[in-house]
N, C-alpha and C. Protein backbone atom coordinates (compact mmCIF):
# COMPACT_ATOMS: atom_id res chain seq x y z
N MET A 1 167.83 68.43 88.35
CA MET A 1 166.75 69.43 88.87
C MET A 1 167.43 70.76 88.43
N ARG A 2 168.62 70.71 88.35
CA ARG A 2 169.03 72.32 87.71
C ARG A 2 168.74 72.58 86.62
N THR A 3 168.86 71.56 85.60
CA THR A 3 168.44 71.83 84.24
C THR A 3 166.88 72.17 84.03
N ILE A 4 166.25 71.69 84.96
CA ILE A 4 164.58 72.23 84.89
C ILE A 4 164.47 73.23 85.49
N LEU A 5 164.90 73.85 86.29
CA LEU A 5 165.06 75.09 86.94
C LEU A 5 165.70 76.25 85.91
N LEU A 6 166.73 75.91 85.20
CA LEU A 6 167.14 76.52 84.23
C LEU A 6 166.27 76.78 82.92
N LEU A 7 165.73 75.64 82.60
CA LEU A 7 164.66 75.76 81.33
C LEU A 7 163.39 76.44 81.99
N LEU A 8 163.19 76.54 83.11
CA LEU A 8 161.91 77.11 83.64
C LEU A 8 162.04 78.54 83.52
N VAL A 9 163.35 79.10 83.98
CA VAL A 9 163.78 80.44 83.57
C VAL A 9 163.77 81.00 82.07
N SER A 10 164.46 80.11 81.63
CA SER A 10 164.57 80.71 79.99
C SER A 10 163.25 80.42 79.59
N ASN A 11 162.12 79.59 79.69
CA ASN A 11 161.15 79.62 78.95
C ASN A 11 160.19 80.63 79.57
N THR A 12 160.40 81.23 80.63
CA THR A 12 159.91 82.37 81.18
C THR A 12 160.38 83.43 80.59
N PHE A 13 161.59 83.82 80.26
CA PHE A 13 161.73 84.90 79.49
C PHE A 13 161.37 84.90 77.87
N MET A 14 161.45 83.51 77.53
CA MET A 14 161.19 83.33 75.71
C MET A 14 159.71 83.62 75.84
N THR A 15 158.87 83.10 76.73
CA THR A 15 157.66 83.61 76.47
C THR A 15 157.08 85.15 76.55
N PHE A 16 157.91 85.68 77.39
CA PHE A 16 157.53 87.27 77.53
C PHE A 16 158.09 87.79 75.92
N ALA A 17 159.11 87.24 75.44
CA ALA A 17 159.92 87.76 74.44
C ALA A 17 158.94 87.53 73.11
N TRP A 18 158.17 86.25 73.18
CA TRP A 18 157.49 85.84 71.94
C TRP A 18 155.73 86.57 71.83
N TYR A 19 155.46 86.75 73.11
CA TYR A 19 153.87 86.91 73.34
C TYR A 19 153.79 88.18 74.40
N GLY A 20 154.92 88.74 74.94
CA GLY A 20 154.56 89.67 75.81
C GLY A 20 153.92 91.21 75.13
N HIS A 21 154.68 91.26 73.91
CA HIS A 21 154.30 92.52 73.30
C HIS A 21 152.93 92.69 72.86
N LEU A 22 152.07 91.21 72.91
CA LEU A 22 150.52 91.44 72.40
C LEU A 22 149.63 92.21 73.45
N LYS A 23 150.25 92.29 74.40
CA LYS A 23 149.59 93.20 75.53
C LYS A 23 149.57 94.69 75.04
N TYR A 24 150.60 95.10 74.18
CA TYR A 24 150.63 96.58 73.79
C TYR A 24 150.73 96.56 72.27
N ARG A 25 149.78 96.16 71.57
CA ARG A 25 149.65 96.48 70.27
C ARG A 25 149.64 97.61 69.62
N GLN A 26 149.62 98.68 70.61
CA GLN A 26 149.57 100.17 69.77
C GLN A 26 150.89 100.55 69.71
N SER A 27 151.96 99.88 70.26
CA SER A 27 153.24 100.27 70.09
C SER A 27 153.48 99.86 68.89
N PRO A 28 154.77 100.78 68.11
CA PRO A 28 155.11 100.05 66.73
C PRO A 28 155.87 98.59 66.70
N LEU A 29 155.68 98.14 65.64
CA LEU A 29 156.41 96.94 65.62
C LEU A 29 157.79 96.58 65.69
N TRP A 30 158.67 97.82 65.43
CA TRP A 30 160.26 97.63 65.48
C TRP A 30 160.36 97.82 66.93
N ILE A 31 159.71 98.45 67.75
CA ILE A 31 159.79 98.42 69.23
C ILE A 31 159.54 97.21 69.71
N ALA A 32 158.65 96.49 69.38
CA ALA A 32 158.23 94.85 69.85
C ALA A 32 159.47 94.07 69.39
N ILE A 33 159.82 94.23 68.15
CA ILE A 33 161.14 93.24 67.77
C ILE A 33 162.20 93.65 68.53
N LEU A 34 162.63 94.59 68.85
CA LEU A 34 163.89 95.11 69.64
C LEU A 34 163.70 94.79 70.90
N ALA A 35 162.38 94.89 71.70
CA ALA A 35 162.00 94.33 72.91
C ALA A 35 162.28 92.96 73.11
N SER A 36 161.77 92.19 72.14
CA SER A 36 161.64 90.78 72.16
C SER A 36 163.31 90.28 71.94
N TRP A 37 163.84 90.99 71.16
CA TRP A 37 165.42 90.47 71.10
C TRP A 37 166.02 90.87 72.31
N GLY A 38 165.81 92.02 73.00
CA GLY A 38 166.45 92.14 74.18
C GLY A 38 166.31 90.93 75.37
N ILE A 39 165.13 90.81 75.47
CA ILE A 39 164.44 89.85 76.57
C ILE A 39 165.21 88.40 75.87
N ALA A 40 165.11 88.05 74.46
CA ALA A 40 165.65 86.72 74.13
C ALA A 40 166.99 86.46 74.56
N LEU A 41 167.69 87.68 74.53
CA LEU A 41 169.22 87.62 75.02
C LEU A 41 169.56 86.97 76.67
N PHE A 42 168.49 87.20 77.09
CA PHE A 42 168.33 86.69 78.58
C PHE A 42 168.13 85.18 78.66
N GLU A 43 167.05 84.85 77.91
CA GLU A 43 166.50 83.48 77.69
C GLU A 43 168.10 82.62 77.11
N TYR A 44 168.39 83.03 76.34
CA TYR A 44 169.63 82.52 75.69
C TYR A 44 170.81 82.09 77.08
N CYS A 45 170.71 83.12 77.75
CA CYS A 45 171.69 82.96 79.03
C CYS A 45 171.48 81.76 79.90
N PHE A 46 170.18 81.48 79.89
CA PHE A 46 169.59 80.27 80.90
C PHE A 46 169.62 79.07 79.86
N GLN A 47 169.19 78.99 78.70
CA GLN A 47 168.85 77.79 77.67
C GLN A 47 169.92 77.15 77.58
N VAL A 48 171.20 77.80 77.15
CA VAL A 48 172.38 77.37 76.75
C VAL A 48 172.96 76.37 78.15
N PRO A 49 173.25 76.85 79.02
CA PRO A 49 173.67 76.09 80.12
C PRO A 49 172.57 74.95 80.51
N ALA A 50 171.20 75.40 80.54
CA ALA A 50 170.49 74.37 80.71
C ALA A 50 170.89 72.96 79.61
N ASN A 51 170.90 73.33 78.27
CA ASN A 51 170.93 72.34 77.56
C ASN A 51 172.42 71.78 77.77
N ARG A 52 173.32 72.50 78.20
CA ARG A 52 174.83 71.92 78.34
C ARG A 52 175.04 70.89 79.54
N ILE A 53 174.17 71.68 80.42
CA ILE A 53 174.28 70.66 81.73
C ILE A 53 173.57 69.23 81.84
N GLY A 54 172.20 69.80 81.08
CA GLY A 54 171.35 68.57 80.75
C GLY A 54 171.86 67.56 79.85
N SER A 55 172.67 67.85 79.19
CA SER A 55 173.15 66.61 78.09
C SER A 55 173.83 65.62 78.59
N TYR A 56 174.57 65.75 80.25
CA TYR A 56 174.86 64.71 80.70
C TYR A 56 173.94 64.09 81.40
N GLU A 57 172.86 64.10 81.22
CA GLU A 57 171.75 63.24 82.18
C GLU A 57 170.75 62.97 81.27
N PHE A 58 170.56 63.68 80.11
CA PHE A 58 169.37 63.49 79.04
C PHE A 58 169.88 63.54 77.83
N THR A 59 169.07 62.57 76.79
CA THR A 59 169.30 62.76 75.33
C THR A 59 168.88 64.16 74.98
N THR A 60 169.32 64.41 73.87
CA THR A 60 168.59 65.80 73.05
C THR A 60 167.03 65.67 72.96
N ALA A 61 166.77 64.47 72.53
CA ALA A 61 165.40 64.31 72.39
C ALA A 61 164.63 64.64 73.76
N GLN A 62 165.10 64.00 74.68
CA GLN A 62 164.59 64.09 76.29
C GLN A 62 164.53 65.31 76.67
N LEU A 63 165.96 66.12 76.32
CA LEU A 63 165.70 67.66 76.86
C LEU A 63 164.59 68.56 75.98
N LYS A 64 164.62 68.33 74.56
CA LYS A 64 163.55 68.99 73.76
C LYS A 64 161.95 68.63 74.38
N THR A 65 161.98 67.47 74.80
CA THR A 65 160.67 67.07 75.39
C THR A 65 160.43 67.93 76.78
N ILE A 66 161.40 67.85 77.45
CA ILE A 66 161.11 68.63 78.76
C ILE A 66 160.99 70.05 78.39
N GLN A 67 161.87 70.40 77.48
CA GLN A 67 161.49 72.11 77.25
C GLN A 67 160.18 72.41 77.03
N GLU A 68 159.64 71.35 75.93
CA GLU A 68 158.42 71.67 75.41
C GLU A 68 157.21 71.69 76.36
N VAL A 69 157.49 70.90 77.39
CA VAL A 69 156.32 70.61 78.46
C VAL A 69 156.56 71.73 79.42
N ILE A 70 157.72 72.30 79.76
CA ILE A 70 158.00 73.40 80.43
C ILE A 70 157.43 74.73 79.75
N THR A 71 157.72 74.63 78.34
CA THR A 71 156.93 75.85 77.66
C THR A 71 155.59 75.94 77.66
N LEU A 72 154.73 74.79 77.58
CA LEU A 72 153.27 74.67 77.81
C LEU A 72 153.09 75.22 78.96
N ILE A 73 153.54 74.75 80.13
CA ILE A 73 153.07 75.30 81.68
C ILE A 73 153.38 76.62 81.70
N VAL A 74 154.40 77.15 81.09
CA VAL A 74 154.67 78.61 81.18
C VAL A 74 153.86 79.18 80.63
N PHE A 75 153.40 78.82 79.53
CA PHE A 75 152.49 79.47 78.60
C PHE A 75 150.99 79.70 79.19
N CYS A 76 150.57 78.67 79.74
CA CYS A 76 149.34 78.53 80.40
C CYS A 76 149.29 79.53 81.29
N PHE A 77 150.22 79.62 82.47
CA PHE A 77 150.40 80.58 83.30
C PHE A 77 150.53 82.24 82.84
N PHE A 78 151.26 82.29 81.68
CA PHE A 78 151.38 83.72 81.41
C PHE A 78 150.18 83.99 80.51
N SER A 79 149.39 82.99 79.70
CA SER A 79 148.40 83.65 79.20
C SER A 79 146.94 83.91 79.85
N VAL A 80 146.93 83.27 81.20
CA VAL A 80 146.00 83.30 82.08
C VAL A 80 146.24 84.67 83.05
N PHE A 81 147.55 84.79 83.62
CA PHE A 81 147.82 85.83 84.45
C PHE A 81 148.08 86.95 84.07
N TYR A 82 148.87 87.26 82.79
CA TYR A 82 149.44 88.21 82.10
C TYR A 82 148.48 88.69 81.04
N LEU A 83 148.15 87.93 80.01
CA LEU A 83 147.34 88.37 79.05
C LEU A 83 145.88 88.30 79.44
N ARG A 84 145.50 87.70 80.42
CA ARG A 84 144.23 87.66 80.65
C ARG A 84 143.22 86.90 80.15
N GLU A 85 143.61 85.87 79.09
CA GLU A 85 143.10 84.89 78.42
C GLU A 85 142.74 83.90 79.21
N SER A 86 141.45 83.15 79.02
CA SER A 86 140.98 82.00 79.63
C SER A 86 141.43 80.58 78.76
N LEU A 87 141.83 79.79 79.66
CA LEU A 87 142.09 78.31 79.30
C LEU A 87 141.04 77.44 78.82
N LYS A 88 140.92 77.36 77.72
CA LYS A 88 139.63 76.63 77.34
C LYS A 88 139.75 74.96 77.35
N TRP A 89 138.61 74.20 77.47
CA TRP A 89 138.85 72.78 77.88
C TRP A 89 139.56 72.29 76.65
N ASN A 90 139.39 72.24 75.49
CA ASN A 90 139.99 72.16 74.31
C ASN A 90 141.56 72.26 74.33
N TYR A 91 142.07 73.22 74.95
CA TYR A 91 143.19 73.59 74.91
C TYR A 91 143.95 72.70 75.86
N LEU A 92 143.46 72.79 77.00
CA LEU A 92 143.91 71.89 78.09
C LEU A 92 143.96 70.53 77.64
N VAL A 93 143.27 69.64 76.97
CA VAL A 93 143.00 68.23 76.37
C VAL A 93 144.24 68.38 75.32
N GLY A 94 144.31 69.30 74.41
CA GLY A 94 145.25 69.21 73.28
C GLY A 94 146.78 69.27 74.22
N PHE A 95 146.84 70.20 75.01
CA PHE A 95 148.12 69.97 76.12
C PHE A 95 148.43 68.90 76.60
N ALA A 96 147.44 68.20 77.08
CA ALA A 96 147.41 66.92 77.84
C ALA A 96 148.07 65.67 76.90
N PHE A 97 147.65 65.79 75.73
CA PHE A 97 148.20 64.80 74.69
C PHE A 97 149.66 65.04 74.50
N MET A 98 150.19 66.24 74.42
CA MET A 98 151.35 66.49 73.91
C MET A 98 152.29 66.06 75.42
N VAL A 99 151.63 66.19 76.54
CA VAL A 99 152.38 65.96 77.66
C VAL A 99 152.59 64.43 77.75
N GLY A 100 151.19 63.78 77.21
CA GLY A 100 151.24 62.49 77.26
C GLY A 100 152.39 61.88 76.24
N ALA A 101 152.86 62.43 75.57
CA ALA A 101 154.19 62.35 74.39
C ALA A 101 155.35 62.06 75.53
N VAL A 102 155.47 62.70 76.61
CA VAL A 102 156.53 62.47 77.38
C VAL A 102 156.93 61.02 77.66
N PHE A 103 155.53 60.20 77.88
CA PHE A 103 155.66 58.73 78.23
C PHE A 103 156.33 58.32 77.08
N PHE A 104 156.25 58.49 75.88
CA PHE A 104 156.77 57.68 74.90
C PHE A 104 158.46 57.83 74.75
N VAL A 105 158.70 59.25 74.93
CA VAL A 105 160.07 59.49 75.07
C VAL A 105 160.96 59.25 76.38
N PHE A 106 160.32 59.07 77.27
CA PHE A 106 161.16 58.49 78.37
C PHE A 106 161.29 57.18 78.91
N LYS A 107 160.07 56.67 78.41
CA LYS A 107 159.70 54.93 78.48
C LYS A 107 161.11 54.33 77.93
N LYS A 108 161.51 53.39 78.79
CA LYS A 108 162.50 52.37 78.51
C LYS A 108 162.07 51.49 77.90
N TRP A 109 162.29 51.45 76.51
CA TRP A 109 161.73 50.11 75.53
C TRP A 109 162.62 48.92 75.53
N ALA A 110 162.11 47.87 75.47
CA ALA A 110 162.89 46.56 75.49
C ALA A 110 163.53 46.52 74.03
């Protein structure tokens, strides 16, 4: 559970680093880059421990899969509540297929 919480915080920071500047397109690109790098530093402060702690419980492929699903969830909330963009049905269907991949990564195959 600690790994999931750390990944959630990490992905929240990274989503703001990658997409937060889109709300301020009028500011110079170099400011967006520096701000994004500053935010990304905090992302790494949570991402690295999440992966280190999680590696005792999950394989790296499982950790990456968990991270991607969390990224999609965080991104959905971010795009709706921060960027004020709507989620279209086809986005949700595409995300659902990606979440479906979790089944194949975590299923114990004979």
